[in-house]
Each structure stands twice: as C-alpha cells, then as structure tokens.
Amino acid sequence: MRAAWVLLPALAALSAYYVYLPLPGAVSDPWKLMLLDATFRAVQQTCHLIHYLRLSHHLIVLNYLICTFDKLKSVSSEDIKITDAVFDGVEVRVFEPPAEGDESLKRSVVYIHGGGWALASARTSLYNNLCRIMAESLNAVVVSVEYRLVPEVCFPEQYHDALRATKHFLQPEVLAEYSVDPSRIAISGDSAGGNLAAAVCQQLSKDEDLTVRPKLQALIYPVLQAFDFNTPSYQQNMNMPVLPRYVMVNYWIDYINGDYELAHELLVNNHTALNVGRALSFRARLNWTSLLPPSFKKSYKPVVQTTGTEAIVERLPALLDVRAVPLLADDATLARQPRTYVLTCENDVLRDDGAMYARRLERAGVPVTLDHFHDCFHGCMIFTVWPTDFSAGVRTRDSYIKWLDENL
C-alpha cells in the first residue's frame, strides 16, 4: 500500500512531464492543445515501433487508429443528404441540402481534406462534420474528395485524383444533375488539401477546353512549398503542436517518395543552396524577406547555404515541381487564379507559406483575403467536436464560412 502512494505521484509527475510543453502565451486552449499533442505523439511513437518491427507501415497503422477513434464520435444530420459516389475513378462524398420550393440552382464547394497526403478521410467525422456544416450554412452542394493516400500512392497521384474528380464535377451535365450553378463554385482545402486545391486551381486555369471554371479558391493553412524549411514561421514554430517542423519535413519525404535519411539535408536547406542550379530560377518566387510583413518576419534571418547537395533535387525532382509546390508557379499562372481566401495561424510552421502565396497573388492582380489568427494553431479548424473541441476551431471555421457566404 505504501508503495502505491509513492508510485502514483511518480506516475502523475511523469505524465505531466510528458504532456507539458512551453507554448506561446497567446495560444488558444493551451492545456487542451498539450493533451491533444501528447496523445498524438504517443500514438505516433507506437506506430513507429510497429513500423520498426516490420509489422506494418507506420502511416497505415496511424490512419487506422485515427479512423477507428473517429468512428466513436460520428456526426450526422437529417437535413443534409450524404451520398458516396465515384467521379472519374475517384471516390467522393457529396453533401446536398434539401431542395427549395423554387428549385433554384445552388452554390457549390469542392473540398479536399488535409492530413499530410497520408492521413484522414472524407468519411471521418472531423471532415464529415465540417462539410455538413458548410452545406447547411451556405445552402450549397459540397463535394469532398477521397483521394488516395501515402503509402498506397505518392506524388503525383494525389494531385491527379483531386484534379480528375474536380474536372468531372465541373462538367455541365454533372452540375445539372446536382442542381449546381456553374458560375458559383469554389475549390477549397486545408493543409495538404490546401496544397492540392491550389495546384488543381492552377491547372484548371491553364485548361482551355474547360467551359466551367471555379469562381473562388479558399485555402486553409495550406502547405505550398518545400523550398525553404527556415522561413520565420518554420523557425518560430519548429516545436509547435500539432505540426512540428520535423513532422512536416517527413510528410514531404513520404509524399514525394524520398528517404528519411534526407531529412537533415532538407531541414538546413541544402537542397536549395546557391550552387544548386535547378533551384536558382525559383529563389525570387519564395523570397520571404520581400513577401512577408514585418510582423511575420520579426528578427529572423534567411538560411541560405552557399554549398549544398544538388543530388537531392536530382533524386527528388518533385521538390521543384509546381504541381507539388504551388508557390513556385510563375506570375502568369498566378494572374489567372480566381478570387482567393487564405487562412493562416500564427502558431503554425505553414503560416508563411500561405502569407507568401497571398502576397504573390496580390502582386499578380488577384483579389485576396488573408485571414490571420494570432492565437490559433495548425489543424484547428477541424477540431470542433468533443473531445477535440477548441474555441479556435469554431472561430476559424465560422470566419471561413462567412467569407464563402459573402463571396460565393
């Protein structure tokens, strides 16, 4: 009995040590964020152990656990018709509000979920709930794309899935089937889904055969570049939940089918050093010293290696492929983009990706709204359902839907 009284406080102290992380004072719901991050770290470590023992790929196990937990808190609605379909070989989930008496055409959003190109699903409650609320709030048809994931496929297959599903939906006969107004369609996505949404929009703008084009694009804390892993937000938030810098680098490595042994080279920007000829022509397009406001740059300094490793780009050409890295697009492509919304969070390694894209679009003449949240963190918008309910999630979601409502 006496041993138990000693053991319990020791376990409590160890648990608190594992959970606690020093966070910026302005972060919303800090202790809840620490608990979420600790849970995710513990699950990730278990999955990596399973991977190390060669029992299964860690991302397959992690995704299985996420989806299993997610089933415990499914959210449904009697007012929204939810159906699964296949658009040009790609699975999608369609959310349709009830038909109105005048049978007027509805607005629509094509939504591409996040998860590092490897996790989550259009069918999980996190995204099911988001798309249902969008359909209800906007009285819009929402098409959620179920693209294939790493490690089943790598780049460019996720991009191709998102593009094929979107182009199929944009066909006049398909829009008519769902009673969608061809002039009021948005392409949207969060995180890795924001990456795919931006890449899809860029490609659609170049397709001369399209008769229907999106009116808007809305990007939620999008990942848009693998050129510089030392932007101010990457330096400021390198250990920030729920997306530390090393985790984002690993997602990139998985997506472009690289080796984890390259992680350090990427972290110090050896792949885009001054002696890497293939990268030189793109440098001005990601020059954060001229693209970011002073409040984002703070006192951080650029990390530019004089001598790096050109072989990395030769082994992984996707690092400089605009389909994977939309921020590398030229000005002519950016000038063809639709009115854009970009949501960024201060406590997020990807903050500057979104801010730089917004600035480049503005310079190209595209109307842009940069919606920045000083106390929010990466991924917060999908965390609105107990037990992962955050005030940051509700505020960012409501701001995003309000912009769509006013502009779509």
Protein backbone atom coordinates (compact mmCIF):
# COMPACT_ATOMS: atom_id res chain seq x y z
CA MET A 1 0.00 0.00 0.00
CA ARG A 2 2.81 2.35 0.95
CA ALA A 3 4.49 1.61 -2.41
CA ALA A 4 1.32 2.62 -4.24
CA TRP A 5 1.35 6.02 -2.54
CA VAL A 6 4.87 6.52 -3.88
CA LEU A 7 4.18 5.10 -7.33
CA LEU A 8 1.03 7.10 -8.09
CA PRO A 9 2.61 10.56 -7.59
CA ALA A 10 5.62 9.41 -9.62
CA LEU A 11 3.36 8.33 -12.49
CA ALA A 12 1.44 11.60 -12.25
CA ALA A 13 4.70 13.57 -12.39
CA LEU A 14 5.94 11.59 -15.41
CA SER A 15 2.61 12.10 -17.18
CA ALA A 16 2.68 15.83 -16.53
CA TYR A 17 6.28 15.98 -17.79
CA TYR A 18 5.29 14.16 -20.99
CA VAL A 19 2.22 16.32 -21.58
CA TYR A 20 3.63 19.74 -20.73
CA LEU A 21 5.10 21.86 -23.50
CA PRO A 22 6.12 25.51 -23.30
CA LEU A 23 3.64 27.31 -25.55
CA PRO A 24 3.29 30.95 -26.60
CA GLY A 25 1.10 32.87 -24.18
CA ALA A 26 -1.47 33.75 -26.83
CA VAL A 27 -2.30 30.17 -27.86
CA SER A 28 -5.97 29.28 -27.52
CA ASP A 29 -6.84 26.46 -25.03
CA PRO A 30 -3.18 25.66 -24.21
CA TRP A 31 -3.73 22.70 -21.87
CA LYS A 32 -6.20 21.08 -24.22
CA LEU A 33 -3.67 21.52 -27.04
CA MET A 34 -0.94 19.93 -24.89
CA LEU A 35 -3.17 16.92 -24.21
CA LEU A 36 -4.03 16.56 -27.90
CA ASP A 37 -0.37 16.77 -28.86
CA ALA A 38 0.71 14.30 -26.16
CA THR A 39 -1.91 11.81 -27.35
CA PHE A 40 -0.81 12.21 -30.95
CA ARG A 41 2.87 11.83 -30.02
CA ALA A 42 2.17 8.66 -28.04
CA VAL A 43 0.20 7.16 -30.91
CA GLN A 44 2.88 8.12 -33.42
CA GLN A 45 5.62 6.55 -31.30
CA THR A 46 3.61 3.33 -31.08
CA CYS A 47 3.11 3.32 -34.84
CA HIS A 48 6.81 3.90 -35.48
CA LEU A 49 7.62 0.95 -33.20
CA ILE A 50 5.28 -1.24 -35.25
CA HIS A 51 7.00 0.04 -38.40
CA TYR A 52 10.44 -0.70 -36.90
CA LEU A 53 9.35 -4.25 -36.12
CA ARG A 54 8.29 -4.55 -39.81
CA LEU A 55 4.72 -5.42 -38.84
CA SER A 56 3.15 -2.66 -40.95
CA HIS A 57 3.84 0.81 -42.36
CA HIS A 58 3.50 3.37 -39.57
CA LEU A 59 1.20 5.61 -41.63
CA ILE A 60 -1.20 2.74 -42.32
CA VAL A 61 -1.39 1.95 -38.60
CA LEU A 62 -1.74 5.61 -37.66
CA ASN A 63 -4.53 6.18 -40.15
CA TYR A 64 -6.30 3.04 -38.95
CA LEU A 65 -6.18 4.26 -35.34
CA ILE A 66 -7.37 7.75 -36.31
CA CYS A 67 -10.32 6.38 -38.26
CA THR A 68 -11.18 3.86 -35.50
CA PHE A 69 -11.24 6.58 -32.84
CA ASP A 70 -13.14 8.86 -35.18
CA LYS A 71 -15.97 6.35 -35.56
CA LEU A 72 -16.73 6.77 -31.87
CA LYS A 73 -17.93 10.33 -32.42
CA SER A 74 -19.67 10.35 -35.77
CA VAL A 75 -21.89 13.30 -36.55
CA SER A 76 -24.90 13.15 -38.85
CA SER A 77 -27.72 15.38 -39.99
CA GLU A 78 -31.23 14.63 -41.12
CA ASP A 79 -31.32 17.85 -43.13
CA ILE A 80 -28.35 17.08 -45.37
CA LYS A 81 -28.35 14.22 -47.87
CA ILE A 82 -24.96 12.48 -47.76
CA THR A 83 -24.05 10.08 -50.56
CA ASP A 84 -20.88 8.41 -51.78
CA ALA A 85 -20.08 8.50 -55.49
CA VAL A 86 -17.23 7.95 -57.94
CA PHE A 87 -16.09 10.83 -60.16
CA ASP A 88 -13.83 9.62 -62.98
CA GLY A 89 -12.48 6.77 -60.87
CA VAL A 90 -12.09 8.87 -57.71
CA GLU A 91 -14.28 8.34 -54.66
CA VAL A 92 -16.11 11.40 -53.35
CA ARG A 93 -18.68 12.15 -50.67
CA VAL A 94 -21.44 14.57 -51.69
CA PHE A 95 -23.39 16.71 -49.21
CA GLU A 96 -26.67 18.09 -50.57
CA PRO A 97 -29.01 20.46 -48.73
CA PRO A 98 -32.77 19.88 -49.15
CA ALA A 99 -34.30 21.13 -52.37
CA GLU A 100 -36.00 24.51 -52.14
CA GLY A 101 -39.51 25.17 -53.37
CA ASP A 102 -38.37 27.32 -56.31
CA GLU A 103 -35.74 24.70 -57.27
CA SER A 104 -33.14 27.40 -57.79
CA LEU A 105 -29.56 26.37 -58.58
CA LYS A 106 -27.24 26.09 -55.60
CA ARG A 107 -23.71 27.18 -54.86
CA SER A 108 -21.05 24.51 -54.51
CA VAL A 109 -17.69 23.82 -52.84
CA VAL A 110 -15.23 21.13 -53.87
CA TYR A 111 -13.39 20.33 -50.63
CA ILE A 112 -10.05 18.47 -50.35
CA HIS A 113 -9.16 17.25 -46.87
CA GLY A 114 -5.79 17.59 -45.16
CA GLY A 115 -3.63 15.07 -43.33
CA GLY A 116 -0.15 15.29 -44.86
CA TRP A 117 -1.33 13.50 -48.03
CA ALA A 118 -1.31 10.38 -45.83
CA LEU A 119 -3.95 10.62 -43.10
CA ALA A 120 -7.67 11.22 -42.54
CA SER A 121 -10.54 10.77 -44.94
CA ALA A 122 -13.56 12.50 -46.40
CA ARG A 123 -15.58 9.96 -44.39
CA THR A 124 -14.21 10.76 -40.93
CA SER A 125 -16.45 12.70 -38.61
CA LEU A 126 -13.97 15.61 -38.48
CA TYR A 127 -14.41 16.31 -42.18
CA ASN A 128 -17.93 14.92 -42.39
CA ASN A 129 -18.96 17.46 -39.74
CA LEU A 130 -17.14 20.34 -41.45
CA CYS A 131 -18.66 19.63 -44.86
CA ARG A 132 -22.13 19.10 -43.39
CA ILE A 133 -21.98 22.47 -41.63
CA MET A 134 -20.74 24.11 -44.84
CA ALA A 135 -23.62 22.59 -46.81
CA GLU A 136 -26.14 23.75 -44.20
CA SER A 137 -24.71 27.24 -43.68
CA LEU A 138 -24.20 28.02 -47.35
CA ASN A 139 -27.15 26.04 -48.72
CA ALA A 140 -24.53 24.60 -51.03
CA VAL A 141 -23.61 21.25 -52.54
CA VAL A 142 -20.27 20.19 -51.05
CA VAL A 143 -18.14 17.57 -52.81
CA SER A 144 -15.47 16.09 -50.51
CA VAL A 145 -12.71 14.33 -52.44
CA GLU A 146 -11.46 10.95 -51.16
CA TYR A 147 -8.06 10.93 -52.87
CA ARG A 148 -5.69 8.01 -52.38
CA LEU A 149 -3.12 8.30 -49.61
CA VAL A 150 0.54 7.65 -48.84
CA PRO A 151 1.90 4.94 -48.70
CA GLU A 152 -0.54 3.39 -51.19
CA VAL A 153 0.45 6.06 -53.70
CA CYS A 154 2.82 9.04 -53.75
CA PHE A 155 3.05 12.24 -55.77
CA PRO A 156 1.65 12.94 -58.32
CA GLU A 157 -1.24 10.51 -57.77
CA GLN A 158 -2.95 12.54 -55.04
CA TYR A 159 -2.82 15.56 -57.33
CA HIS A 160 -4.21 13.56 -60.25
CA ASP A 161 -7.05 12.20 -58.10
CA ALA A 162 -8.06 15.69 -56.95
CA LEU A 163 -7.82 17.09 -60.48
CA ARG A 164 -9.83 14.26 -62.08
CA ALA A 165 -12.61 14.45 -59.51
CA THR A 166 -12.84 18.24 -59.81
CA LYS A 167 -12.87 18.26 -63.62
CA HIS A 168 -15.55 15.58 -63.64
CA PHE A 169 -17.73 17.63 -61.31
CA LEU A 170 -17.25 20.77 -63.44
CA GLN A 171 -18.87 19.11 -66.47
CA PRO A 172 -22.17 20.91 -67.25
CA GLU A 173 -24.20 17.68 -67.19
CA VAL A 174 -22.84 16.70 -63.76
CA LEU A 175 -23.52 20.17 -62.34
CA ALA A 176 -27.05 19.95 -63.71
CA GLU A 177 -27.51 16.57 -62.02
CA TYR A 178 -26.74 18.17 -58.65
CA SER A 179 -28.58 21.44 -59.44
CA VAL A 180 -25.39 23.50 -59.11
CA ASP A 181 -24.94 26.99 -60.53
CA PRO A 182 -21.87 26.78 -62.85
CA SER A 183 -20.90 30.37 -62.01
CA ARG A 184 -20.78 29.84 -58.22
CA ILE A 185 -18.25 27.08 -57.49
CA ALA A 186 -15.32 27.23 -55.06
CA ILE A 187 -12.28 24.95 -54.73
CA SER A 188 -11.09 24.61 -51.16
CA GLY A 189 -8.93 22.53 -48.84
CA ASP A 190 -6.94 22.57 -45.62
CA SER A 191 -3.23 21.85 -45.08
CA ALA A 192 -2.18 19.17 -47.63
CA GLY A 193 -5.69 19.56 -49.08
CA GLY A 194 -4.94 23.27 -49.49
CA ASN A 195 -1.84 22.27 -51.41
CA LEU A 196 -3.92 20.09 -53.73
CA ALA A 197 -6.63 22.74 -54.08
CA ALA A 198 -4.08 25.39 -55.12
CA ALA A 199 -2.40 23.01 -57.58
CA VAL A 200 -5.76 22.00 -59.06
CA CYS A 201 -6.81 25.64 -59.46
CA GLN A 202 -3.58 26.45 -61.24
CA GLN A 203 -4.05 23.58 -63.67
CA LEU A 204 -7.70 24.42 -64.31
CA SER A 205 -6.69 27.97 -65.19
CA LYS A 206 -4.48 26.58 -67.97
CA ASP A 207 -7.06 24.18 -69.42
CA GLU A 208 -8.50 25.88 -72.50
CA ASP A 209 -11.12 23.17 -73.01
CA LEU A 210 -12.96 23.88 -69.75
CA THR A 211 -16.32 25.59 -70.10
CA VAL A 212 -16.82 25.94 -66.32
CA ARG A 213 -14.18 27.39 -64.01
CA PRO A 214 -14.17 27.97 -60.25
CA LYS A 215 -15.25 31.37 -59.04
CA LEU A 216 -13.17 31.17 -55.84
CA GLN A 217 -10.41 29.27 -54.11
CA ALA A 218 -10.22 29.07 -50.32
CA LEU A 219 -7.03 27.71 -48.76
CA ILE A 220 -6.86 26.85 -45.06
CA TYR A 221 -3.31 26.94 -43.59
CA PRO A 222 -2.05 25.42 -46.87
CA VAL A 223 1.34 23.74 -47.35
CA LEU A 224 2.67 25.31 -50.52
CA GLN A 225 6.44 24.90 -50.67
CA ALA A 226 9.32 22.58 -49.85
CA PHE A 227 11.97 25.08 -50.96
CA ASP A 228 12.74 26.74 -47.62
CA PHE A 229 12.24 24.99 -44.29
CA ASN A 230 13.63 28.01 -42.44
CA THR A 231 11.06 30.70 -43.12
CA PRO A 232 10.28 32.75 -39.99
CA SER A 233 7.24 30.59 -39.19
CA TYR A 234 9.28 27.38 -39.55
CA GLN A 235 11.91 28.83 -37.20
CA GLN A 236 9.39 30.28 -34.75
CA ASN A 237 7.18 27.20 -34.55
CA MET A 238 9.65 24.36 -35.11
CA ASN A 239 8.41 22.53 -31.99
CA MET A 240 4.82 23.71 -32.04
CA PRO A 241 1.93 21.22 -31.77
CA VAL A 242 0.38 19.65 -33.73
CA LEU A 243 2.80 20.03 -36.63
CA PRO A 244 6.45 20.39 -35.59
CA ARG A 245 8.90 21.17 -38.37
CA TYR A 246 10.44 17.67 -38.48
CA VAL A 247 6.97 16.13 -38.89
CA MET A 248 6.18 18.40 -41.85
CA VAL A 249 9.52 17.51 -43.46
CA ASN A 250 8.72 13.81 -43.01
CA TYR A 251 5.30 14.32 -44.63
CA TRP A 252 7.06 15.88 -47.61
CA ILE A 253 9.52 12.98 -47.81
CA ASP A 254 6.66 10.47 -47.74
CA TYR A 255 4.67 12.42 -50.33
CA ILE A 256 7.49 12.64 -52.87
CA ASN A 257 8.70 9.09 -52.14
CA GLY A 258 12.04 10.10 -50.63
CA ASP A 259 14.22 8.66 -47.88
CA TYR A 260 14.16 9.80 -44.25
CA GLU A 261 17.97 9.99 -44.39
CA LEU A 262 17.47 13.21 -46.37
CA ALA A 263 15.54 14.93 -43.59
CA HIS A 264 18.54 16.79 -42.17
CA GLU A 265 19.62 17.98 -45.63
CA LEU A 266 16.14 19.43 -46.17
CA LEU A 267 15.98 20.98 -42.70
CA VAL A 268 19.10 23.06 -43.38
CA ASN A 269 18.07 23.93 -46.97
CA ASN A 270 20.94 22.04 -48.61
CA HIS A 271 18.57 21.12 -51.46
CA THR A 272 18.21 24.78 -52.47
CA ALA A 273 21.73 26.05 -51.81
CA LEU A 274 23.22 28.69 -54.10
CA ASN A 275 25.17 26.07 -56.05
CA VAL A 276 22.02 24.08 -56.87
CA GLY A 277 21.40 25.33 -60.39
CA ARG A 278 17.87 23.98 -60.73
CA ALA A 279 16.74 25.99 -57.71
CA LEU A 280 18.23 29.36 -58.66
CA SER A 281 15.44 30.40 -61.03
CA PHE A 282 12.83 29.87 -58.32
CA ARG A 283 14.53 31.73 -55.49
CA ALA A 284 12.88 35.10 -56.13
CA ARG A 285 9.43 33.49 -56.04
CA LEU A 286 9.94 32.44 -52.42
CA ASN A 287 11.95 35.38 -51.12
CA TRP A 288 10.21 35.84 -47.78
CA THR A 289 12.25 38.94 -46.97
CA SER A 290 10.21 40.80 -49.60
CA LEU A 291 6.95 38.84 -49.39
CA LEU A 292 6.22 38.83 -45.64
CA PRO A 293 5.10 41.75 -43.46
CA PRO A 294 7.40 42.85 -40.62
CA SER A 295 5.07 41.28 -38.04
CA PHE A 296 5.78 37.88 -39.62
CA LYS A 297 9.49 38.38 -40.34
CA LYS A 298 10.27 39.60 -36.81
CA SER A 299 14.05 39.31 -36.29
CA TYR A 300 14.57 36.03 -38.12
CA LYS A 301 17.32 35.72 -40.73
CA PRO A 302 17.28 33.77 -44.00
CA VAL A 303 19.07 30.41 -44.02
CA VAL A 304 20.77 30.18 -47.43
CA GLN A 305 23.54 27.64 -47.88
CA THR A 306 26.37 28.58 -50.22
CA THR A 307 27.20 24.96 -51.00
CA GLY A 308 24.58 22.25 -50.81
CA THR A 309 23.62 18.94 -52.37
CA GLU A 310 22.28 19.18 -55.91
CA ALA A 311 21.83 15.40 -55.98
CA ILE A 312 18.79 15.78 -53.71
CA VAL A 313 16.83 17.62 -56.40
CA GLU A 314 18.02 15.12 -58.99
CA ARG A 315 16.73 12.25 -56.83
CA LEU A 316 13.55 14.11 -55.87
CA PRO A 317 12.53 16.38 -58.78
CA ALA A 318 9.10 16.88 -57.17
CA LEU A 319 10.77 19.34 -54.78
CA LEU A 320 10.73 21.83 -57.67
CA ASP A 321 7.57 20.60 -59.42
CA VAL A 322 4.85 23.26 -59.40
CA ARG A 323 2.17 20.56 -59.12
CA ALA A 324 3.62 19.67 -55.71
CA VAL A 325 4.86 23.15 -54.83
CA PRO A 326 2.23 25.70 -55.99
CA LEU A 327 4.19 28.63 -54.59
CA LEU A 328 6.74 28.07 -57.38
CA ALA A 329 4.20 29.00 -60.08
CA ASP A 330 5.13 31.84 -62.41
CA ASP A 331 3.37 35.20 -62.33
CA ALA A 332 1.37 34.50 -65.49
CA THR A 333 -0.19 31.42 -63.89
CA LEU A 334 -0.94 33.28 -60.67
CA ALA A 335 -2.63 36.10 -62.60
CA ARG A 336 -5.21 33.60 -63.89
CA GLN A 337 -6.28 32.44 -60.41
CA PRO A 338 -9.77 33.22 -59.07
CA ARG A 339 -10.55 35.43 -56.09
CA THR A 340 -8.73 33.82 -53.15
CA TYR A 341 -9.10 33.36 -49.41
CA VAL A 342 -6.10 32.25 -47.36
CA LEU A 343 -6.43 31.44 -43.65
CA THR A 344 -3.22 31.39 -41.61
CA CYS A 345 -2.42 30.77 -37.95
CA GLU A 346 0.37 32.45 -36.02
CA ASN A 347 1.41 29.26 -34.23
CA ASP A 348 1.94 27.19 -37.37
CA VAL A 349 5.06 26.30 -39.38
CA LEU A 350 2.98 26.81 -42.54
CA ARG A 351 1.90 30.36 -41.71
CA ASP A 352 4.39 31.93 -44.12
CA ASP A 353 3.53 29.55 -46.97
CA GLY A 354 0.02 30.98 -47.01
CA ALA A 355 1.12 34.56 -46.46
CA MET A 356 3.68 34.43 -49.30
CA TYR A 357 1.13 32.94 -51.68
CA ALA A 358 -1.40 35.62 -50.77
CA ARG A 359 1.17 38.33 -51.42
CA ARG A 360 2.26 36.88 -54.76
CA LEU A 361 -1.36 36.58 -55.87
CA GLU A 362 -1.96 40.21 -54.90
CA ARG A 363 1.05 41.31 -56.91
CA ALA A 364 -0.36 39.35 -59.87
CA GLY A 365 -3.62 41.30 -59.62
CA VAL A 366 -5.80 38.66 -57.91
CA PRO A 367 -8.23 39.85 -55.19
CA VAL A 368 -7.06 38.16 -51.97
CA THR A 369 -8.28 37.99 -48.38
CA LEU A 370 -5.60 36.96 -45.87
CA ASP A 371 -7.42 35.92 -42.71
CA HIS A 372 -4.81 35.64 -39.95
CA PHE A 373 -5.48 34.31 -36.44
CA HIS A 374 -2.91 35.27 -33.80
CA ASP A 375 -3.86 32.67 -31.17
CA CYS A 376 -4.58 29.65 -33.39
CA PHE A 377 -2.57 26.62 -34.45
CA HIS A 378 -2.29 24.26 -37.39
CA GLY A 379 -5.27 21.99 -37.96
CA CYS A 380 -7.52 23.80 -35.52
CA MET A 381 -10.47 24.28 -37.89
CA ILE A 382 -11.46 20.60 -37.87
CA PHE A 383 -11.30 20.35 -34.07
CA THR A 384 -14.85 21.39 -33.19
CA VAL A 385 -16.34 18.11 -31.90
CA TRP A 386 -15.87 16.75 -28.37
CA PRO A 387 -13.38 15.69 -27.05
CA THR A 388 -11.21 17.61 -29.54
CA ASP A 389 -13.32 20.76 -29.47
CA PHE A 390 -11.39 24.03 -29.49
CA SER A 391 -12.66 27.59 -29.49
CA ALA A 392 -10.01 28.22 -32.17
CA GLY A 393 -11.70 25.63 -34.36
CA VAL A 394 -15.10 27.25 -34.14
CA ARG A 395 -13.77 30.77 -34.76
CA THR A 396 -11.68 29.84 -37.79
CA ARG A 397 -14.47 27.70 -39.27
CA ASP A 398 -17.04 30.46 -38.83
CA SER A 399 -14.74 33.07 -40.40
CA TYR A 400 -14.04 30.80 -43.36
CA ILE A 401 -17.72 30.03 -43.94
CA LYS A 402 -18.64 33.70 -43.59
CA TRP A 403 -16.17 34.62 -46.36
CA LEU A 404 -17.59 31.91 -48.62
CA ASP A 405 -21.11 33.09 -47.93
CA GLU A 406 -20.25 36.68 -48.79
CA ASN A 407 -18.24 35.91 -51.94
CA LEU A 408 -19.62 32.71 -53.48
